[in-house]
Amino acid sequence: MRPVKVAATQMSGGWDVAANIAKAEALVREAAAQGANIILLQELFERNYFCQKQIPAYLAFATPIAENAAIQHFQALAPRCKTILTSRFTVAR
C-alpha cells in the first residue's frame, strides 16, 4: 500500500467566475506540486457565497454538468496534475 496525500483548498472569491477558476487552479497546481494525490476544492468557489440569501436570480447559476465551466476546466486539469479533484458533489480524475 502506498501513502496518499490529501489537500483542501480555501480561498476568497468574487463574482468573476473566470478569475475564481484561475485562482482555484493555482491552488490545485500548488497542492499537486507538494505531492497531493487528492485535492478537495471548496464548495461553490465559482462566485461569492450566494446561499445566504434566497434570491430567485441565483437559480440561473445552476448549470448541467456538461455545461459547467469549472467542471469542464478541472476535468481537463486533473489528469495533467495526476490528481483526483473533488468537491462536495463532483469528482474529476
Protein backbone atom coordinates (compact mmCIF):
# COMPACT_ATOMS: atom_id res chain seq x y z
CA MET A 1 0.00 0.00 0.00
CA ARG A 2 1.30 3.49 -0.80
CA PRO A 3 0.68 6.65 1.19
CA VAL A 4 -1.95 9.06 -0.09
CA LYS A 5 -1.61 12.80 0.49
CA VAL A 6 -4.82 14.85 0.65
CA ALA A 7 -5.10 18.65 0.36
CA ALA A 8 -8.02 21.04 0.75
CA THR A 9 -8.30 24.47 -0.83
CA GLN A 10 -9.68 27.58 0.80
CA MET A 11 -9.83 30.93 -0.94
CA SER A 12 -11.77 34.15 -1.09
CA GLY A 13 -13.64 34.76 -4.31
CA GLY A 14 -15.67 37.36 -6.09
CA TRP A 15 -18.32 37.42 -8.78
CA ASP A 16 -15.82 36.91 -11.65
CA VAL A 17 -16.12 33.19 -12.44
CA ALA A 18 -13.04 33.07 -14.69
CA ALA A 19 -10.88 34.76 -12.04
CA ASN A 20 -12.12 32.34 -9.38
CA ILE A 21 -11.40 29.34 -11.60
CA ALA A 22 -7.89 30.67 -12.24
CA LYS A 23 -7.33 31.21 -8.52
CA ALA A 24 -8.54 27.69 -7.72
CA GLU A 25 -6.32 26.26 -10.45
CA ALA A 26 -3.27 27.93 -8.90
CA LEU A 27 -4.13 26.32 -5.56
CA VAL A 28 -4.61 22.92 -7.20
CA ARG A 29 -1.28 23.18 -9.01
CA GLU A 30 0.46 24.23 -5.78
CA ALA A 31 -1.04 21.29 -3.85
CA ALA A 32 -0.13 18.85 -6.64
CA ALA A 33 3.43 20.21 -6.71
CA GLN A 34 3.61 19.49 -2.97
CA GLY A 35 2.60 15.87 -3.61
CA ALA A 36 -1.16 15.89 -3.04
CA ASN A 37 -2.92 12.93 -4.67
CA ILE A 38 -6.46 14.01 -3.78
CA ILE A 39 -7.41 17.69 -3.68
CA LEU A 40 -10.68 18.98 -2.27
CA LEU A 41 -11.95 22.18 -3.88
CA GLN A 42 -14.16 24.24 -1.64
CA GLU A 43 -17.88 24.26 -2.23
CA LEU A 44 -19.30 26.92 -4.56
CA PHE A 45 -15.96 28.62 -5.23
CA GLU A 46 -17.05 29.93 -8.64
CA ARG A 47 -18.74 33.01 -7.13
CA ASN A 48 -19.20 34.80 -3.87
CA TYR A 49 -21.01 32.51 -1.47
CA PHE A 50 -24.53 33.38 -2.55
CA CYS A 51 -26.51 30.87 -0.49
CA GLN A 52 -27.01 33.21 2.42
CA LYS A 53 -29.92 34.92 0.67
CA GLN A 54 -32.76 33.36 -1.28
CA ILE A 55 -32.71 35.40 -4.46
CA PRO A 56 -34.52 33.81 -7.44
CA ALA A 57 -31.97 35.19 -9.93
CA TYR A 58 -29.31 32.96 -8.31
CA LEU A 59 -31.11 29.91 -9.70
CA ALA A 60 -29.55 30.80 -13.07
CA PHE A 61 -26.14 29.84 -11.62
CA ALA A 62 -27.18 26.17 -11.79
CA THR A 63 -25.94 24.53 -14.97
CA PRO A 64 -25.84 20.97 -16.25
CA ILE A 65 -22.52 19.26 -15.53
CA ALA A 66 -21.67 19.15 -19.24
CA GLU A 67 -22.06 22.94 -19.48
CA ASN A 68 -20.40 23.98 -16.22
CA ALA A 69 -17.18 25.92 -16.92
CA ALA A 70 -15.48 24.93 -13.65
CA ILE A 71 -16.22 21.23 -14.04
CA GLN A 72 -15.02 21.22 -17.63
CA HIS A 73 -11.86 23.10 -16.65
CA PHE A 74 -10.95 20.86 -13.73
CA GLN A 75 -11.82 17.62 -15.54
CA ALA A 76 -9.10 18.54 -18.02
CA LEU A 77 -6.67 19.71 -15.31
CA ALA A 78 -6.87 16.67 -13.00
CA PRO A 79 -5.09 14.21 -15.30
CA ARG A 80 -2.41 16.78 -16.17
CA CYS A 81 -1.70 17.25 -12.44
CA LYS A 82 -2.01 13.49 -11.82
CA THR A 83 -4.51 14.10 -9.04
CA ILE A 84 -8.08 13.40 -8.13
CA LEU A 85 -10.05 16.61 -7.68
CA THR A 86 -13.23 16.59 -5.71
CA SER A 87 -15.74 18.94 -4.17
CA ARG A 88 -18.84 18.16 -2.24
CA PHE A 89 -20.71 16.91 -5.32
CA THR A 90 -18.25 16.24 -8.13
CA VAL A 91 -15.20 14.14 -8.80
CA ALA A 92 -12.73 14.54 -11.69
CA ARG A 93 -9.90 12.06 -12.33
